[in-house]
PDB file of N, CA and C in Angstrom:
ATOM      1  N   UNK A   1     145.177  70.648  -6.216  1.00  0.00           N
ATOM      2  CA  UNK A   1     145.845  70.143  -5.036  1.00  0.00           C
ATOM      3  C   UNK A   1     147.186  69.556  -5.459  1.00  0.00           C
ATOM      4  N   UNK A   2     148.260  70.135  -4.967  1.00  0.00           N
ATOM      5  CA  UNK A   2     149.607  69.660  -5.287  1.00  0.00           C
ATOM      6  C   UNK A   2     150.325  69.321  -3.992  1.00  0.00           C
ATOM      7  N   UNK A   3     150.323  68.050  -3.669  1.00  0.00           N
ATOM      8  CA  UNK A   3     151.058  67.592  -2.500  1.00  0.00           C
ATOM      9  C   UNK A   3     152.397  67.041  -2.949  1.00  0.00           C
ATOM     10  N   UNK A   4     153.372  67.149  -2.096  1.00  0.00           N
ATOM     11  CA  UNK A   4     154.708  66.680  -2.423  1.00  0.00           C
ATOM     12  C   UNK A   4     155.109  65.575  -1.450  1.00  0.00           C
ATOM     13  N   UNK A   5     156.227  64.919  -1.756  1.00  0.00           N
ATOM     14  CA  UNK A   5     156.746  63.923  -0.825  1.00  0.00           C
ATOM     15  C   UNK A   5     157.177  64.592   0.480  1.00  0.00           C
ATOM     16  N   UNK A   6     157.546  65.851   0.412  1.00  0.00           N
ATOM     17  CA  UNK A   6     157.845  66.600   1.632  1.00  0.00           C
ATOM     18  C   UNK A   6     156.610  66.749   2.503  1.00  0.00           C
ATOM     19  N   UNK A   7     155.458  67.007   1.864  1.00  0.00           N
ATOM     20  CA  UNK A   7     154.196  67.090   2.611  1.00  0.00           C
ATOM     21  C   UNK A   7     153.875  65.749   3.272  1.00  0.00           C
ATOM     22  N   UNK A   8     154.078  64.677   2.518  1.00  0.00           N
ATOM     23  CA  UNK A   8     153.842  63.338   3.071  1.00  0.00           C
ATOM     24  C   UNK A   8     154.738  63.101   4.279  1.00  0.00           C
ATOM     25  N   UNK A   9     155.981  63.466   4.157  1.00  0.00           N
ATOM     26  CA  UNK A   9     156.925  63.312   5.263  1.00  0.00           C
ATOM     27  C   UNK A   9     156.449  64.086   6.492  1.00  0.00           C
ATOM     28  N   UNK A  10     155.972  65.305   6.268  1.00  0.00           N
ATOM     29  CA  UNK A  10     155.464  66.113   7.384  1.00  0.00           C
ATOM     30  C   UNK A  10     154.253  65.455   8.046  1.00  0.00           C
ATOM     31  N   UNK A  11     153.341  64.908   7.242  1.00  0.00           N
ATOM     32  CA  UNK A  11     152.160  64.222   7.785  1.00  0.00           C
ATOM     33  C   UNK A  11     152.571  63.004   8.618  1.00  0.00           C
ATOM     34  N   UNK A  12     153.539  62.257   8.110  1.00  0.00           N
ATOM     35  CA  UNK A  12     153.983  61.062   8.830  1.00  0.00           C
ATOM     36  C   UNK A  12     154.617  61.426  10.168  1.00  0.00           C
ATOM     37  N   UNK A  13     155.430  62.473  10.187  1.00  0.00           N
ATOM     38  CA  UNK A  13     156.049  62.885  11.451  1.00  0.00           C
ATOM     39  C   UNK A  13     155.020  63.483  12.414  1.00  0.00           C
ATOM     40  N   UNK A  14     154.031  64.186  11.884  1.00  0.00           N
ATOM     41  CA  UNK A  14     152.970  64.716  12.749  1.00  0.00           C
ATOM     42  C   UNK A  14     152.197  63.567  13.391  1.00  0.00           C
ATOM     43  N   UNK A  15     151.925  62.525  12.614  1.00  0.00           N
ATOM     44  CA  UNK A  15     151.219  61.364  13.157  1.00  0.00           C
ATOM     45  C   UNK A  15     152.072  60.672  14.212  1.00  0.00           C
ATOM     46  N   UNK A  16     153.365  60.576  13.963  1.00  0.00           N
ATOM     47  CA  UNK A  16     154.274  59.966  14.933  1.00  0.00           C
ATOM     48  C   UNK A  16     154.259  60.755  16.247  1.00  0.00           C
ATOM     49  N   UNK A  17     154.222  62.068  16.152  1.00  0.00           N
ATOM     50  CA  UNK A  17     154.153  62.900  17.358  1.00  0.00           C
ATOM     51  C   UNK A  17     152.856  62.652  18.118  1.00  0.00           C
ATOM     52  N   UNK A  18     151.723  62.536  17.388  1.00  0.00           N
ATOM     53  CA  UNK A  18     150.449  62.267  18.058  1.00  0.00           C
ATOM     54  C   UNK A  18     150.483  60.915  18.768  1.00  0.00           C
ATOM     55  N   UNK A  19     151.099  59.919  18.130  1.00  0.00           N
ATOM     56  CA  UNK A  19     151.190  58.597  18.757  1.00  0.00           C
ATOM     57  C   UNK A  19     152.087  58.624  19.989  1.00  0.00           C
ATOM     58  N   UNK A  20     153.062  59.515  19.993  1.00  0.00           N
ATOM     59  CA  UNK A  20     153.980  59.618  21.126  1.00  0.00           C
ATOM     60  C   UNK A  20     153.454  60.445  22.284  1.00  0.00           C
ATOM     61  N   UNK A  21     152.294  61.065  22.100  1.00  0.00           N
ATOM     62  CA  UNK A  21     151.696  61.892  23.158  1.00  0.00           C
ATOM     63  C   UNK A  21     151.238  61.002  24.312  1.00  0.00           C
ATOM     64  N   UNK A  22     151.888  61.124  25.455  1.00  0.00           N
ATOM     65  CA  UNK A  22     151.577  60.276  26.604  1.00  0.00           C
ATOM     66  C   UNK A  22     150.245  60.616  27.260  1.00  0.00           C
ATOM     67  N   UNK A  23     149.655  61.744  26.912  1.00  0.00           N
ATOM     68  CA  UNK A  23     148.362  62.123  27.479  1.00  0.00           C
ATOM     69  C   UNK A  23     147.198  61.413  26.785  1.00  0.00           C
ATOM     70  N   UNK A  24     147.455  60.842  25.619  1.00  0.00           N
ATOM     71  CA  UNK A  24     146.399  60.126  24.899  1.00  0.00           C
ATOM     72  C   UNK A  24     146.342  58.697  25.415  1.00  0.00           C
ATOM     73  N   UNK A  25     145.155  58.309  25.855  1.00  0.00           N
ATOM     74  CA  UNK A  25     144.992  56.969  26.428  1.00  0.00           C
ATOM     75  C   UNK A  25     143.660  56.371  25.983  1.00  0.00           C
ATOM     76  N   UNK A  26     143.531  55.082  26.208  1.00  0.00           N
ATOM     77  CA  UNK A  26     142.263  54.386  25.995  1.00  0.00           C
ATOM     78  C   UNK A  26     141.741  54.448  24.573  1.00  0.00           C
ATOM     79  N   UNK A  27     140.465  54.790  24.464  1.00  0.00           N
ATOM     80  CA  UNK A  27     139.793  54.798  23.160  1.00  0.00           C
ATOM     81  C   UNK A  27     140.395  55.837  22.213  1.00  0.00           C
ATOM     82  N   UNK A  28     140.784  56.967  22.750  1.00  0.00           N
ATOM     83  CA  UNK A  28     141.404  58.012  21.930  1.00  0.00           C
ATOM     84  C   UNK A  28     142.727  57.511  21.323  1.00  0.00           C
ATOM     85  N   UNK A  29     143.504  56.786  22.123  1.00  0.00           N
ATOM     86  CA  UNK A  29     144.756  56.207  21.627  1.00  0.00           C
ATOM     87  C   UNK A  29     144.461  55.165  20.547  1.00  0.00           C
ATOM     88  N   UNK A  30     143.431  54.349  20.775  1.00  0.00           N
ATOM     89  CA  UNK A  30     143.064  53.333  19.794  1.00  0.00           C
ATOM     90  C   UNK A  30     142.660  53.988  18.468  1.00  0.00           C
ATOM     91  N   UNK A  31     141.915  55.078  18.536  1.00  0.00           N
ATOM     92  CA  UNK A  31     141.534  55.813  17.322  1.00  0.00           C
ATOM     93  C   UNK A  31     142.773  56.358  16.605  1.00  0.00           C
ATOM     94  N   UNK A  32     143.715  56.856  17.379  1.00  0.00           N
ATOM     95  CA  UNK A  32     144.944  57.407  16.791  1.00  0.00           C
ATOM     96  C   UNK A  32     145.765  56.301  16.127  1.00  0.00           C
ATOM     97  N   UNK A  33     145.801  55.131  16.735  1.00  0.00           N
ATOM     98  CA  UNK A  33     146.512  53.989  16.150  1.00  0.00           C
ATOM     99  C   UNK A  33     145.851  53.567  14.837  1.00  0.00           C
ATOM    100  N   UNK A  34     144.536  53.530  14.817  1.00  0.00           N
ATOM    101  CA  UNK A  34     143.801  53.189  13.585  1.00  0.00           C
ATOM    102  C   UNK A  34     144.074  54.220  12.505  1.00  0.00           C
ATOM    103  N   UNK A  35     144.061  55.489  12.874  1.00  0.00           N
ATOM    104  CA  UNK A  35     144.354  56.567  11.925  1.00  0.00           C
ATOM    105  C   UNK A  35     145.788  56.438  11.401  1.00  0.00           C
ATOM    106  N   UNK A  36     146.729  56.137  12.283  1.00  0.00           N
ATOM    107  CA  UNK A  36     148.127  55.992  11.881  1.00  0.00           C
ATOM    108  C   UNK A  36     148.294  54.858  10.889  1.00  0.00           C
ATOM    109  N   UNK A  37     147.583  53.749  11.100  1.00  0.00           N
ATOM    110  CA  UNK A  37     147.664  52.631  10.163  1.00  0.00           C
ATOM    111  C   UNK A  37     147.127  53.042   8.802  1.00  0.00           C
ATOM    112  N   UNK A  38     146.017  53.751   8.780  1.00  0.00           N
ATOM    113  CA  UNK A  38     145.448  54.207   7.510  1.00  0.00           C
ATOM    114  C   UNK A  38     146.406  55.150   6.790  1.00  0.00           C
ATOM    115  N   UNK A  39     146.996  56.071   7.524  1.00  0.00           N
ATOM    116  CA  UNK A  39     147.956  57.010   6.932  1.00  0.00           C
ATOM    117  C   UNK A  39     149.168  56.252   6.390  1.00  0.00           C
ATOM    118  N   UNK A  40     149.642  55.284   7.157  1.00  0.00           N
ATOM    119  CA  UNK A  40     150.793  54.482   6.729  1.00  0.00           C
ATOM    120  C   UNK A  40     150.480  53.696   5.456  1.00  0.00           C
ATOM    121  N   UNK A  41     149.300  53.114   5.380  1.00  0.00           N
ATOM    122  CA  UNK A  41     148.901  52.358   4.182  1.00  0.00           C
ATOM    123  C   UNK A  41     148.852  53.255   2.953  1.00  0.00           C
ATOM    124  N   UNK A  42     148.278  54.434   3.111  1.00  0.00           N
ATOM    125  CA  UNK A  42     148.199  55.372   1.987  1.00  0.00           C
ATOM    126  C   UNK A  42     149.593  55.864   1.606  1.00  0.00           C
ATOM    127  N   UNK A  43     150.428  56.150   2.597  1.00  0.00           N
ATOM    128  CA  UNK A  43     151.799  56.597   2.325  1.00  0.00           C
ATOM    129  C   UNK A  43     152.570  55.533   1.547  1.00  0.00           C
ATOM    130  N   UNK A  44     152.369  54.284   1.911  1.00  0.00           N
ATOM    131  CA  UNK A  44     153.031  53.190   1.199  1.00  0.00           C
ATOM    132  C   UNK A  44     152.618  53.174  -0.268  1.00  0.00           C
ATOM    133  N   UNK A  45     151.350  53.389  -0.547  1.00  0.00           N
ATOM    134  CA  UNK A  45     150.863  53.417  -1.927  1.00  0.00           C
ATOM    135  C   UNK A  45     151.428  54.620  -2.686  1.00  0.00           C
ATOM    136  N   UNK A  46     151.494  55.760  -2.034  1.00  0.00           N
ATOM    137  CA  UNK A  46     152.050  56.959  -2.674  1.00  0.00           C
ATOM    138  C   UNK A  46     153.513  56.734  -3.038  1.00  0.00           C
ATOM    139  N   UNK A  47     154.266  56.164  -2.114  1.00  0.00           N
ATOM    140  CA  UNK A  47     155.687  55.905  -2.364  1.00  0.00           C
ATOM    141  C   UNK A  47     155.849  54.861  -3.467  1.00  0.00           C
ATOM    142  N   UNK A  48     155.023  53.839  -3.456  1.00  0.00           N
ATOM    143  CA  UNK A  48     155.068  52.807  -4.497  1.00  0.00           C
ATOM    144  C   UNK A  48     154.760  53.409  -5.861  1.00  0.00           C
ATOM    145  N   UNK A  49     153.775  54.280  -5.921  1.00  0.00           N
ATOM    146  CA  UNK A  49     153.423  54.937  -7.177  1.00  0.00           C
ATOM    147  C   UNK A  49     154.572  55.815  -7.665  1.00  0.00           C
ATOM    148  N   UNK A  50     155.189  56.558  -6.754  1.00  0.00           N
ATOM    149  CA  UNK A  50     156.338  57.389  -7.123  1.00  0.00           C
ATOM    150  C   UNK A  50     157.485  56.559  -7.658  1.00  0.00           C
ATOM    151  N   UNK A  51     157.707  55.409  -7.059  1.00  0.00           N
ATOM    152  CA  UNK A  51     158.762  54.503  -7.515  1.00  0.00           C
ATOM    153  C   UNK A  51     158.458  53.991  -8.922  1.00  0.00           C
ATOM    154  N   UNK A  52     157.200  53.658  -9.185  1.00  0.00           N
ATOM    155  CA  UNK A  52     156.810  53.200 -10.517  1.00  0.00           C
ATOM    156  C   UNK A  52     157.010  54.294 -11.560  1.00  0.00           C
ATOM    157  N   UNK A  53     156.646  55.513 -11.233  1.00  0.00           N
ATOM    158  CA  UNK A  53     156.836  56.640 -12.154  1.00  0.00           C
ATOM    159  C   UNK A  53     158.322  56.836 -12.449  1.00  0.00           C
ATOM    160  N   UNK A  54     159.152  56.750 -11.419  1.00  0.00           N
ATOM    161  CA  UNK A  54     160.590  56.891 -11.605  1.00  0.00           C
ATOM    162  C   UNK A  54     161.144  55.769 -12.488  1.00  0.00           C
ATOM    163  N   UNK A  55     160.707  54.535 -12.258  1.00  0.00           N
ATOM    164  CA  UNK A  55     161.160  53.411 -13.086  1.00  0.00           C
ATOM    165  C   UNK A  55     160.734  53.600 -14.534  1.00  0.00           C
ATOM    166  N   UNK A  56     159.511  54.067 -14.753  1.00  0.00           N
ATOM    167  CA  UNK A  56     159.027  54.290 -16.117  1.00  0.00           C
ATOM    168  C   UNK A  56     159.846  55.372 -16.813  1.00  0.00           C
ATOM    169  N   UNK A  57     160.144  56.441 -16.114  1.00  0.00           N
ATOM    170  CA  UNK A  57     160.949  57.523 -16.693  1.00  0.00           C
ATOM    171  C   UNK A  57     162.361  57.028 -17.004  1.00  0.00           C
ATOM    172  N   UNK A  58     162.937  56.264 -16.085  1.00  0.00           N
ATOM    173  CA  UNK A  58     164.262  55.700 -16.313  1.00  0.00           C
ATOM    174  C   UNK A  58     164.250  54.792 -17.530  1.00  0.00           C
ATOM    175  N   UNK A  59     163.234  53.962 -17.634  1.00  0.00           N
ATOM    176  CA  UNK A  59     163.093  53.058 -18.771  1.00  0.00           C
ATOM    177  C   UNK A  59     163.009  53.835 -20.082  1.00  0.00           C
ATOM    178  N   UNK A  60     162.187  54.863 -20.106  1.00  0.00           N
ATOM    179  CA  UNK A  60     162.022  55.644 -21.337  1.00  0.00           C
ATOM    180  C   UNK A  60     163.322  56.357 -21.704  1.00  0.00           C
ATOM    181  N   UNK A  61     164.043  56.879 -20.730  1.00  0.00           N
ATOM    182  CA  UNK A  61     165.312  57.538 -21.021  1.00  0.00           C
ATOM    183  C   UNK A  61     166.335  56.545 -21.570  1.00  0.00           C
ATOM    184  N   UNK A  62     166.287  55.340 -21.077  1.00  0.00           N
ATOM    185  CA  UNK A  62     167.265  54.333 -21.468  1.00  0.00           C
ATOM    186  C   UNK A  62     166.935  53.676 -22.806  1.00  0.00           C
ATOM    187  N   UNK A  63     165.642  53.535 -23.102  1.00  0.00           N
ATOM    188  CA  UNK A  63     165.241  52.748 -24.265  1.00  0.00           C
ATOM    189  C   UNK A  63     164.515  53.534 -25.354  1.00  0.00           C
ATOM    190  N   UNK A  64     164.576  54.845 -25.333  1.00  0.00           N
ATOM    191  CA  UNK A  64     163.950  55.601 -26.414  1.00  0.00           C
ATOM    192  C   UNK A  64     164.538  55.148 -27.749  1.00  0.00           C
ATOM    193  N   UNK A  65     163.727  55.059 -28.770  1.00  0.00           N
ATOM    194  CA  UNK A  65     164.268  54.640 -30.064  1.00  0.00           C
ATOM    195  C   UNK A  65     165.288  55.648 -30.588  1.00  0.00           C
ATOM    196  N   UNK A  66     166.227  55.159 -31.381  1.00  0.00           N
ATOM    197  CA  UNK A  66     167.263  56.023 -31.965  1.00  0.00           C
ATOM    198  C   UNK A  66     166.591  57.184 -32.685  1.00  0.00           C
ATOM    199  N   UNK A  67     167.164  58.366 -32.540  1.00  0.00           N
ATOM    200  CA  UNK A  67     166.606  59.542 -33.189  1.00  0.00           C
ATOM    201  C   UNK A  67     165.729  60.371 -32.274  1.00  0.00           C
ATOM    202  N   UNK A  68     165.247  59.792 -31.192  1.00  0.00           N
ATOM    203  CA  UNK A  68     164.387  60.539 -30.280  1.00  0.00           C
ATOM    204  C   UNK A  68     165.101  60.958 -29.005  1.00  0.00           C
ATOM    205  N   UNK A  69     166.200  60.307 -28.702  1.00  0.00           N
ATOM    206  CA  UNK A  69     166.888  60.674 -27.471  1.00  0.00           C
ATOM    207  C   UNK A  69     168.096  61.551 -27.776  1.00  0.00           C
ATOM    208  N   UNK A  70     168.694  62.060 -26.728  1.00  0.00           N
ATOM    209  CA  UNK A  70     169.811  62.978 -26.922  1.00  0.00           C
ATOM    210  C   UNK A  70     171.168  62.299 -26.729  1.00  0.00           C
ATOM    211  N   UNK A  71     171.171  60.993 -26.466  1.00  0.00           N
ATOM    212  CA  UNK A  71     172.428  60.277 -26.297  1.00  0.00           C
ATOM    213  C   UNK A  71     173.108  60.105 -27.652  1.00  0.00           C
ATOM    214  N   UNK A  72     174.414  60.231 -27.666  1.00  0.00           N
ATOM    215  CA  UNK A  72     175.161  60.038 -28.907  1.00  0.00           C
ATOM    216  C   UNK A  72     176.243  58.988 -28.687  1.00  0.00           C
ATOM    217  N   UNK A  73     176.462  58.212 -29.733  1.00  0.00           N
ATOM    218  CA  UNK A  73     177.510  57.201 -29.706  1.00  0.00           C
ATOM    219  C   UNK A  73     178.869  57.887 -29.861  1.00  0.00           C
ATOM    220  N   UNK A  74     179.945  57.137 -29.740  1.00  0.00           N
ATOM    221  CA  UNK A  74     181.292  57.696 -29.868  1.00  0.00           C
ATOM    222  C   UNK A  74     181.515  58.331 -31.241  1.00  0.00           C
ATOM    223  N   UNK A  75     180.859  57.798 -32.272  1.00  0.00           N
ATOM    224  CA  UNK A  75     181.037  58.348 -33.620  1.00  0.00           C
ATOM    225  C   UNK A  75     180.131  59.551 -33.881  1.00  0.00           C
ATOM    226  N   UNK A  76     179.361  59.972 -32.868  1.00  0.00           N
ATOM    227  CA  UNK A  76     178.501  61.137 -33.010  1.00  0.00           C
ATOM    228  C   UNK A  76     177.082  60.818 -33.445  1.00  0.00           C
ATOM    229  N   UNK A  77     176.825  59.561 -33.824  1.00  0.00           N
ATOM    230  CA  UNK A  77     175.470  59.210 -34.245  1.00  0.00           C
ATOM    231  C   UNK A  77     174.583  58.988 -33.022  1.00  0.00           C
ATOM    232  N   UNK A  78     173.297  59.277 -33.195  1.00  0.00           N
ATOM    233  CA  UNK A  78     172.365  59.053 -32.100  1.00  0.00           C
ATOM    234  C   UNK A  78     172.184  57.559 -31.919  1.00  0.00           C
ATOM    235  N   UNK A  79     172.057  57.157 -30.667  1.00  0.00           N
ATOM    236  CA  UNK A  79     171.940  55.735 -30.385  1.00  0.00           C
ATOM    237  C   UNK A  79     171.188  55.553 -29.074  1.00  0.00           C
ATOM    238  N   UNK A  80     170.588  54.403 -28.914  1.00  0.00           N
ATOM    239  CA  UNK A  80     169.990  54.029 -27.640  1.00  0.00           C
ATOM    240  C   UNK A  80     170.025  52.522 -27.541  1.00  0.00           C
ATOM    241  N   UNK A  81     169.776  52.026 -26.350  1.00  0.00           N
ATOM    242  CA  UNK A  81     169.735  50.579 -26.188  1.00  0.00           C
ATOM    243  C   UNK A  81     168.590  50.022 -27.021  1.00  0.00           C
ATOM    244  N   UNK A  82     168.700  48.767 -27.359  1.00  0.00           N
ATOM    245  CA  UNK A  82     167.658  48.128 -28.158  1.00  0.00           C
ATOM    246  C   UNK A  82     166.384  48.021 -27.324  1.00  0.00           C
ATOM    247  N   UNK A  83     165.317  48.514 -27.887  1.00  0.00           N
ATOM    248  CA  UNK A  83     164.015  48.471 -27.236  1.00  0.00           C
ATOM    249  C   UNK A  83     163.507  47.037 -27.291  1.00  0.00           C
ATOM    250  N   UNK A  84     163.096  46.432 -26.182  1.00  0.00           N
ATOM    251  CA  UNK A  84     162.640  45.045 -26.205  1.00  0.00           C
ATOM    252  C   UNK A  84     161.494  44.852 -27.202  1.00  0.00           C
ATOM    253  N   UNK A  85     161.610  43.867 -28.111  1.00  0.00           N
ATOM    254  CA  UNK A  85     160.613  43.661 -29.162  1.00  0.00           C
ATOM    255  C   UNK A  85     159.187  43.517 -28.643  1.00  0.00           C
ATOM    256  N   UNK A  86     159.016  42.838 -27.521  1.00  0.00           N
ATOM    257  CA  UNK A  86     157.656  42.631 -27.014  1.00  0.00           C
ATOM    258  C   UNK A  86     157.006  43.934 -26.551  1.00  0.00           C
ATOM    259  N   UNK A  87     157.798  44.978 -26.357  1.00  0.00           N
ATOM    260  CA  UNK A  87     157.245  46.259 -25.933  1.00  0.00           C
ATOM    261  C   UNK A  87     157.140  47.269 -27.068  1.00  0.00           C
ATOM    262  N   UNK A  88     157.784  46.994 -28.181  1.00  0.00           N
ATOM    263  CA  UNK A  88     157.785  47.951 -29.284  1.00  0.00           C
ATOM    264  C   UNK A  88     156.370  48.305 -29.719  1.00  0.00           C
ATOM    265  N   UNK A  89     155.517  47.306 -29.910  1.00  0.00           N
ATOM    266  CA  UNK A  89     154.164  47.549 -30.395  1.00  0.00           C
ATOM    267  C   UNK A  89     153.374  48.423 -29.413  1.00  0.00           C
ATOM    268  N   UNK A  90     153.533  48.158 -28.147  1.00  0.00           N
ATOM    269  CA  UNK A  90     152.779  48.912 -27.142  1.00  0.00           C
ATOM    270  C   UNK A  90     153.217  50.360 -27.018  1.00  0.00           C
ATOM    271  N   UNK A  91     154.525  50.590 -27.065  1.00  0.00           N
ATOM    272  CA  UNK A  91     155.044  51.926 -26.820  1.00  0.00           C
ATOM    273  C   UNK A  91     155.327  52.743 -28.074  1.00  0.00           C
ATOM    274  N   UNK A  92     155.552  52.059 -29.182  1.00  0.00           N
ATOM    275  CA  UNK A  92     155.992  52.775 -30.388  1.00  0.00           C
ATOM    276  C   UNK A  92     154.976  52.707 -31.522  1.00  0.00           C
ATOM    277  N   UNK A  93     153.781  52.192 -31.256  1.00  0.00           N
ATOM    278  CA  UNK A  93     152.727  52.072 -32.279  1.00  0.00           C
ATOM    279  C   UNK A  93     153.213  51.366 -33.529  1.00  0.00           C
ATOM    280  N   UNK A  94     153.943  50.289 -33.352  1.00  0.00           N
ATOM    281  CA  UNK A  94     154.427  49.518 -34.501  1.00  0.00           C
ATOM    282  C   UNK A  94     153.591  48.278 -34.689  1.00  0.00           C
TER     283      UNK A  94
END
């Protein structure tokens, strides 16, 4: 199963259309509202998870130890920002 953020967007808009249906009333509308809240809660978690993955990737690109990244200093030597000492042991097996 490979869902994308585009799929999530489509689900959210489909739910919005169902909520906007003026023919839905009473208990059926209440069920749709409950379903919409559940979908919204899950969507929030999916987006939060995607944001965390993006931050982790950005962090790794920025702080890879020298020699592992493709960034080069002005003199041509490989370089990266200093990896925070408190994280070195966890990420670099030091």
